[in-house]
Amino acid sequence: MQEIITYSIVVLAVVFLVRKFFFKTKKDTNCNKGCNCG
């Protein structure tokens, strides 16, 4: 049971970091193209 919880936490952390990284790069590319930034 503890292994399942540990793997779930690790997967969620990785997904969170990957999404954060990709959204950050997406915003940067949009800003470089001259789109409205917020």
PDB file of N, CA and C in Angstrom:
ATOM      1  N   MET A   1       0.831  -1.208   0.000  1.00  0.00           N
ATOM      2  CA  MET A   1       0.000   0.000   0.000  1.00  0.00           C
ATOM      3  C   MET A   1       0.868   1.263   0.000  1.00  0.00           C
ATOM      4  N   GLN A   2       1.920   1.275   0.805  1.00  0.00           N
ATOM      5  CA  GLN A   2       2.782   2.458   0.852  1.00  0.00           C
ATOM      6  C   GLN A   2       3.462   2.691  -0.492  1.00  0.00           C
ATOM      7  N   GLU A   3       3.810   1.612  -1.197  1.00  0.00           N
ATOM      8  CA  GLU A   3       4.461   1.774  -2.501  1.00  0.00           C
ATOM      9  C   GLU A   3       3.534   2.486  -3.476  1.00  0.00           C
ATOM     10  N   ILE A   4       2.248   2.128  -3.461  1.00  0.00           N
ATOM     11  CA  ILE A   4       1.290   2.768  -4.369  1.00  0.00           C
ATOM     12  C   ILE A   4       1.206   4.262  -4.070  1.00  0.00           C
ATOM     13  N   ILE A   5       1.132   4.607  -2.792  1.00  0.00           N
ATOM     14  CA  ILE A   5       1.047   6.022  -2.406  1.00  0.00           C
ATOM     15  C   ILE A   5       2.319   6.759  -2.824  1.00  0.00           C
ATOM     16  N   THR A   6       3.464   6.137  -2.601  1.00  0.00           N
ATOM     17  CA  THR A   6       4.735   6.771  -2.965  1.00  0.00           C
ATOM     18  C   THR A   6       4.821   6.999  -4.465  1.00  0.00           C
ATOM     19  N   TYR A   7       4.485   5.969  -5.263  1.00  0.00           N
ATOM     20  CA  TYR A   7       4.534   6.115  -6.718  1.00  0.00           C
ATOM     21  C   TYR A   7       3.559   7.189  -7.180  1.00  0.00           C
ATOM     22  N   SER A   8       2.384   7.258  -6.568  1.00  0.00           N
ATOM     23  CA  SER A   8       1.393   8.269  -6.953  1.00  0.00           C
ATOM     24  C   SER A   8       1.942   9.667  -6.705  1.00  0.00           C
ATOM     25  N   ILE A   9       2.567   9.860  -5.556  1.00  0.00           N
ATOM     26  CA  ILE A   9       3.128  11.178  -5.228  1.00  0.00           C
ATOM     27  C   ILE A   9       4.235  11.542  -6.213  1.00  0.00           C
ATOM     28  N   VAL A  10       5.093  10.585  -6.534  1.00  0.00           N
ATOM     29  CA  VAL A  10       6.193  10.847  -7.470  1.00  0.00           C
ATOM     30  C   VAL A  10       5.635  11.216  -8.842  1.00  0.00           C
ATOM     31  N   VAL A  11       4.653  10.457  -9.319  1.00  0.00           N
ATOM     32  CA  VAL A  11       4.060  10.728 -10.638  1.00  0.00           C
ATOM     33  C   VAL A  11       3.409  12.107 -10.643  1.00  0.00           C
ATOM     34  N   LEU A  12       2.664  12.427  -9.604  1.00  0.00           N
ATOM     35  CA  LEU A  12       2.017  13.739  -9.543  1.00  0.00           C
ATOM     36  C   LEU A  12       3.060  14.855  -9.535  1.00  0.00           C
ATOM     37  N   ALA A  13       4.142  14.672  -8.801  1.00  0.00           N
ATOM     38  CA  ALA A  13       5.190  15.691  -8.747  1.00  0.00           C
ATOM     39  C   ALA A  13       5.823  15.886 -10.122  1.00  0.00           C
ATOM     40  N   VAL A  14       6.110  14.771 -10.807  1.00  0.00           N
ATOM     41  CA  VAL A  14       6.722  14.859 -12.140  1.00  0.00           C
ATOM     42  C   VAL A  14       5.767  15.550 -13.108  1.00  0.00           C
ATOM     43  N   VAL A  15       4.497  15.157 -13.083  1.00  0.00           N
ATOM     44  CA  VAL A  15       3.506  15.771 -13.983  1.00  0.00           C
ATOM     45  C   VAL A  15       3.399  17.265 -13.696  1.00  0.00           C
ATOM     46  N   PHE A  16       3.385  17.634 -12.426  1.00  0.00           N
ATOM     47  CA  PHE A  16       3.286  19.047 -12.055  1.00  0.00           C
ATOM     48  C   PHE A  16       4.487  19.833 -12.584  1.00  0.00           C
ATOM     49  N   LEU A  17       5.686  19.284 -12.397  1.00  0.00           N
ATOM     50  CA  LEU A  17       6.891  19.981 -12.863  1.00  0.00           C
ATOM     51  C   LEU A  17       6.903  20.091 -14.379  1.00  0.00           C
ATOM     52  N   VAL A  18       6.531  19.012 -15.069  1.00  0.00           N
ATOM     53  CA  VAL A  18       6.528  19.033 -16.540  1.00  0.00           C
ATOM     54  C   VAL A  18       5.514  20.053 -17.041  1.00  0.00           C
ATOM     55  N   ARG A  19       4.309  20.063 -16.463  1.00  0.00           N
ATOM     56  CA  ARG A  19       3.293  21.029 -16.896  1.00  0.00           C
ATOM     57  C   ARG A  19       3.771  22.448 -16.634  1.00  0.00           C
ATOM     58  N   LYS A  20       4.346  22.675 -15.463  1.00  0.00           N
ATOM     59  CA  LYS A  20       4.844  24.007 -15.112  1.00  0.00           C
ATOM     60  C   LYS A  20       5.914  24.439 -16.120  1.00  0.00           C
ATOM     61  N   PHE A  21       6.826  23.527 -16.462  1.00  0.00           N
ATOM     62  CA  PHE A  21       7.902  23.845 -17.394  1.00  0.00           C
ATOM     63  C   PHE A  21       7.343  24.160 -18.778  1.00  0.00           C
ATOM     64  N   PHE A  22       6.408  23.318 -19.249  1.00  0.00           N
ATOM     65  CA  PHE A  22       5.867  23.518 -20.599  1.00  0.00           C
ATOM     66  C   PHE A  22       5.033  24.791 -20.667  1.00  0.00           C
ATOM     67  N   PHE A  23       4.229  25.071 -19.635  1.00  0.00           N
ATOM     68  CA  PHE A  23       3.422  26.291 -19.661  1.00  0.00           C
ATOM     69  C   PHE A  23       4.331  27.513 -19.635  1.00  0.00           C
ATOM     70  N   LYS A  24       5.442  27.435 -18.913  1.00  0.00           N
ATOM     71  CA  LYS A  24       6.375  28.553 -18.833  1.00  0.00           C
ATOM     72  C   LYS A  24       6.987  28.816 -20.212  1.00  0.00           C
ATOM     73  N   THR A  25       7.431  27.766 -20.899  1.00  0.00           N
ATOM     74  CA  THR A  25       8.037  27.947 -22.210  1.00  0.00           C
ATOM     75  C   THR A  25       6.990  28.429 -23.206  1.00  0.00           C
ATOM     76  N   LYS A  26       5.754  27.945 -23.077  1.00  0.00           N
ATOM     77  CA  LYS A  26       4.693  28.382 -23.989  1.00  0.00           C
ATOM     78  C   LYS A  26       4.482  29.882 -23.852  1.00  0.00           C
ATOM     79  N   LYS A  27       4.404  30.360 -22.606  1.00  0.00           N
ATOM     80  CA  LYS A  27       4.201  31.789 -22.386  1.00  0.00           C
ATOM     81  C   LYS A  27       5.369  32.585 -22.971  1.00  0.00           C
ATOM     82  N   ASP A  28       6.589  32.089 -22.789  1.00  0.00           N
ATOM     83  CA  ASP A  28       7.762  32.802 -23.300  1.00  0.00           C
ATOM     84  C   ASP A  28       7.696  32.917 -24.820  1.00  0.00           C
ATOM     85  N   THR A  29       7.332  31.829 -25.517  1.00  0.00           N
ATOM     86  CA  THR A  29       7.284  31.873 -26.977  1.00  0.00           C
ATOM     87  C   THR A  29       6.186  32.823 -27.420  1.00  0.00           C
ATOM     88  N   ASN A  30       5.046  32.834 -26.722  1.00  0.00           N
ATOM     89  CA  ASN A  30       3.961  33.736 -27.093  1.00  0.00           C
ATOM     90  C   ASN A  30       4.399  35.188 -26.910  1.00  0.00           C
ATOM     91  N   CYS A  31       5.132  35.478 -25.844  1.00  0.00           N
ATOM     92  CA  CYS A  31       5.597  36.844 -25.608  1.00  0.00           C
ATOM     93  C   CYS A  31       6.581  37.259 -26.702  1.00  0.00           C
ATOM     94  N   ASN A  32       7.432  36.344 -27.125  1.00  0.00           N
ATOM     95  CA  ASN A  32       8.414  36.669 -28.156  1.00  0.00           C
ATOM     96  C   ASN A  32       7.734  36.952 -29.495  1.00  0.00           C
ATOM     97  N   LYS A  33       6.572  36.327 -29.725  1.00  0.00           N
ATOM     98  CA  LYS A  33       5.860  36.544 -30.986  1.00  0.00           C
ATOM     99  C   LYS A  33       5.071  37.850 -30.971  1.00  0.00           C
ATOM    100  N   GLY A  34       4.964  38.491 -29.809  1.00  0.00           N
ATOM    101  CA  GLY A  34       4.263  39.767 -29.746  1.00  0.00           C
ATOM    102  C   GLY A  34       2.803  39.625 -29.369  1.00  0.00           C
ATOM    103  N   CYS A  35       2.393  38.447 -28.877  1.00  0.00           N
ATOM    104  CA  CYS A  35       0.998  38.281 -28.449  1.00  0.00           C
ATOM    105  C   CYS A  35       0.791  38.980 -27.108  1.00  0.00           C
ATOM    106  N   ASN A  36      -0.474  39.192 -26.737  1.00  0.00           N
ATOM    107  CA  ASN A  36      -0.765  39.832 -25.447  1.00  0.00           C
ATOM    108  C   ASN A  36      -0.353  38.914 -24.310  1.00  0.00           C
ATOM    109  N   CYS A  37       0.438  39.426 -23.381  1.00  0.00           N
ATOM    110  CA  CYS A  37       0.887  38.613 -22.243  1.00  0.00           C
ATOM    111  C   CYS A  37       0.121  39.019 -20.998  1.00  0.00           C
ATOM    112  N   GLY A  38      -1.087  38.518 -20.823  1.00  0.00           N
ATOM    113  CA  GLY A  38      -1.856  38.800 -19.627  1.00  0.00           C
ATOM    114  C   GLY A  38      -2.565  40.118 -19.718  1.00  0.00           C
TER     115      GLY A  38
END
